[in-house]
């Protein structure tokens, strides 16, 4: 039995509605981008979202980005082992932001992801950064990766 998904449910206080991927050969450089809505239910301080809701989004994009490392999306092919989050600026409830994850390193079963949560409406693609994170995902042994070849 599968559980409910914290960041993708229509009823979630913070919801990632969809993701888009750009693959790179060899996995490193593969980028996953999504749209995040912070609803009124994510509120902590008057008018602003709880930092835990930002951290949940970072955990989600780190995991889903790692699932892409082989060049195909293989859901639940690994486990998030570490998430280091830096909260940069508050998020107003009701906000829509862009979340981006990039594979920065792949060694055997270990995949390192860099991610950021930004206002994504500027023409050059660079927006105000609300949160950054680095994460480590450990791939399952059965995902068909030869650890000695990485």
Protein backbone atom coordinates (compact mmCIF):
# COMPACT_ATOMS: atom_id res chain seq x y z
CA UNK A 1 0.00 0.00 0.00
CA UNK A 2 1.29 3.48 -0.85
CA UNK A 3 0.79 6.45 1.43
CA UNK A 4 -0.33 9.94 0.54
CA UNK A 5 2.21 12.29 -0.95
CA UNK A 6 2.96 15.30 1.24
CA UNK A 7 3.90 17.75 -1.53
CA UNK A 8 1.76 16.56 -4.45
CA UNK A 9 -1.69 16.11 -2.93
CA UNK A 10 -4.35 18.65 -3.91
CA UNK A 11 -5.05 19.07 -0.19
CA UNK A 12 -1.43 19.69 0.83
CA UNK A 13 -0.53 23.03 2.45
CA UNK A 14 2.38 23.26 -0.01
CA UNK A 15 1.81 21.68 -3.41
CA UNK A 16 4.13 20.91 -6.30
CA UNK A 17 1.72 20.69 -9.21
CA UNK A 18 4.11 19.26 -11.80
CA UNK A 19 7.74 18.72 -12.75
CA UNK A 20 9.65 19.03 -16.02
CA UNK A 21 13.01 17.37 -16.67
CA UNK A 22 16.07 18.10 -18.81
CA UNK A 23 18.32 15.05 -18.99
CA UNK A 24 22.10 15.15 -19.40
CA UNK A 25 24.16 12.18 -20.54
CA UNK A 26 25.75 10.44 -17.58
CA UNK A 27 23.23 11.86 -15.10
CA UNK A 28 25.30 14.78 -13.78
CA UNK A 29 23.71 18.05 -14.86
CA UNK A 30 20.22 16.57 -15.19
CA UNK A 31 17.75 19.25 -14.02
CA UNK A 32 14.24 18.95 -12.62
CA UNK A 33 12.03 22.06 -12.41
CA UNK A 34 8.65 22.41 -10.74
CA UNK A 35 5.95 24.87 -9.75
CA UNK A 36 5.17 25.17 -6.03
CA UNK A 37 2.08 26.75 -4.47
CA UNK A 38 2.23 27.75 -0.79
CA UNK A 39 -1.39 27.83 0.40
CA UNK A 40 -2.80 29.63 3.44
CA UNK A 41 -2.55 26.30 5.29
CA UNK A 42 1.28 26.55 5.18
CA UNK A 43 1.17 29.71 7.34
CA UNK A 44 3.30 29.95 10.47
CA UNK A 45 3.98 33.61 11.29
CA UNK A 46 1.33 36.12 10.22
CA UNK A 47 1.21 35.96 6.43
CA UNK A 48 4.35 33.83 5.98
CA UNK A 49 4.97 30.13 5.44
CA UNK A 50 6.54 27.77 7.95
CA UNK A 51 10.20 26.93 7.25
CA UNK A 52 9.33 23.26 7.43
CA UNK A 53 7.17 23.65 4.34
CA UNK A 54 10.20 24.98 2.47
CA UNK A 55 12.29 22.07 3.75
CA UNK A 56 9.64 19.55 2.64
CA UNK A 57 9.82 20.93 -0.90
CA UNK A 58 13.63 20.65 -0.87
CA UNK A 59 13.40 17.02 0.29
CA UNK A 60 10.89 16.27 -2.48
CA UNK A 61 12.89 17.79 -5.34
CA UNK A 62 16.11 16.18 -4.09
CA UNK A 63 14.51 12.73 -4.13
CA UNK A 64 12.75 13.12 -7.47
CA UNK A 65 15.86 14.56 -9.13
CA UNK A 66 17.92 11.58 -7.97
CA UNK A 67 15.29 9.20 -9.40
CA UNK A 68 16.32 10.57 -12.85
CA UNK A 69 20.06 9.82 -12.59
CA UNK A 70 19.98 6.77 -14.87
CA UNK A 71 18.41 8.72 -17.75
CA UNK A 72 14.89 7.47 -16.99
CA UNK A 73 12.51 8.33 -14.18
CA UNK A 74 12.63 5.42 -11.72
CA UNK A 75 10.39 6.39 -8.77
CA UNK A 76 11.39 5.18 -5.31
CA UNK A 77 14.76 3.95 -6.62
CA UNK A 78 16.59 5.46 -3.67
CA UNK A 79 16.33 7.07 -0.25
CA UNK A 80 17.15 10.59 0.88
CA UNK A 81 19.97 10.24 3.41
CA UNK A 82 20.75 13.91 4.06
CA UNK A 83 19.20 17.30 3.34
CA UNK A 84 21.06 20.50 4.26
CA UNK A 85 18.73 23.50 3.90
CA UNK A 86 19.46 27.21 4.05
CA UNK A 87 16.38 29.42 4.44
CA UNK A 88 17.20 32.76 2.75
CA UNK A 89 13.98 34.80 2.80
CA UNK A 90 10.38 34.29 3.90
CA UNK A 91 7.62 33.16 1.58
CA UNK A 92 4.24 34.88 1.70
CA UNK A 93 1.24 32.55 1.85
CA UNK A 94 -0.45 32.26 -1.52
CA UNK A 95 2.88 32.44 -3.39
CA UNK A 96 3.79 30.45 -6.49
CA UNK A 97 7.51 29.74 -6.79
CA UNK A 98 9.86 27.73 -8.98
CA UNK A 99 11.85 24.85 -7.49
CA UNK A 100 14.90 23.50 -9.32
CA UNK A 101 17.04 20.45 -8.57
CA UNK A 102 20.30 19.56 -10.36
CA UNK A 103 22.42 16.44 -10.11
CA UNK A 104 25.89 17.66 -9.18
CA UNK A 105 27.64 14.36 -8.45
CA UNK A 106 27.10 10.63 -8.96
CA UNK A 107 29.41 8.09 -7.35
CA UNK A 108 28.21 4.50 -7.26
CA UNK A 109 24.96 4.48 -5.30
CA UNK A 110 25.43 8.06 -3.99
CA UNK A 111 23.74 10.93 -5.85
CA UNK A 112 24.28 14.54 -4.75
CA UNK A 113 21.67 17.15 -5.62
CA UNK A 114 21.77 20.97 -5.45
CA UNK A 115 18.39 22.69 -5.27
CA UNK A 116 16.85 26.11 -4.93
CA UNK A 117 13.45 27.69 -4.46
CA UNK A 118 13.11 30.95 -6.39
CA UNK A 119 10.73 33.53 -7.75
CA UNK A 120 10.78 32.43 -11.36
CA UNK A 121 9.15 35.22 -13.31
CA UNK A 122 12.21 37.23 -14.37
CA UNK A 123 13.06 37.20 -18.09
CA UNK A 124 16.61 35.93 -17.56
CA UNK A 125 15.40 33.07 -15.32
CA UNK A 126 17.24 34.35 -12.25
CA UNK A 127 14.95 35.29 -9.41
CA UNK A 128 15.02 36.05 -5.72
CA UNK A 129 16.27 32.97 -3.89
CA UNK A 130 14.11 31.93 -0.93
CA UNK A 131 15.84 28.67 -0.08
CA UNK A 132 18.79 26.51 -1.15
CA UNK A 133 19.65 22.93 -0.28
CA UNK A 134 22.12 20.16 -0.91
CA UNK A 135 21.01 16.57 -0.56
CA UNK A 136 22.40 13.08 -0.70
CA UNK A 137 20.34 10.19 -2.03
CA UNK A 138 21.42 6.56 -1.75
CA UNK A 139 20.18 4.45 -4.66
CA UNK A 140 18.82 0.98 -4.04
CA UNK A 141 21.07 -1.92 -5.01
CA UNK A 142 18.50 -3.23 -7.50
CA UNK A 143 18.27 -0.17 -9.78
CA UNK A 144 20.71 -1.74 -12.24
CA UNK A 145 23.70 0.51 -11.64
CA UNK A 146 27.19 -0.92 -11.64
CA UNK A 147 28.77 0.99 -8.74
CA UNK A 148 32.28 0.17 -9.99
CA UNK A 149 31.63 1.99 -13.28
CA UNK A 150 30.88 5.38 -11.68
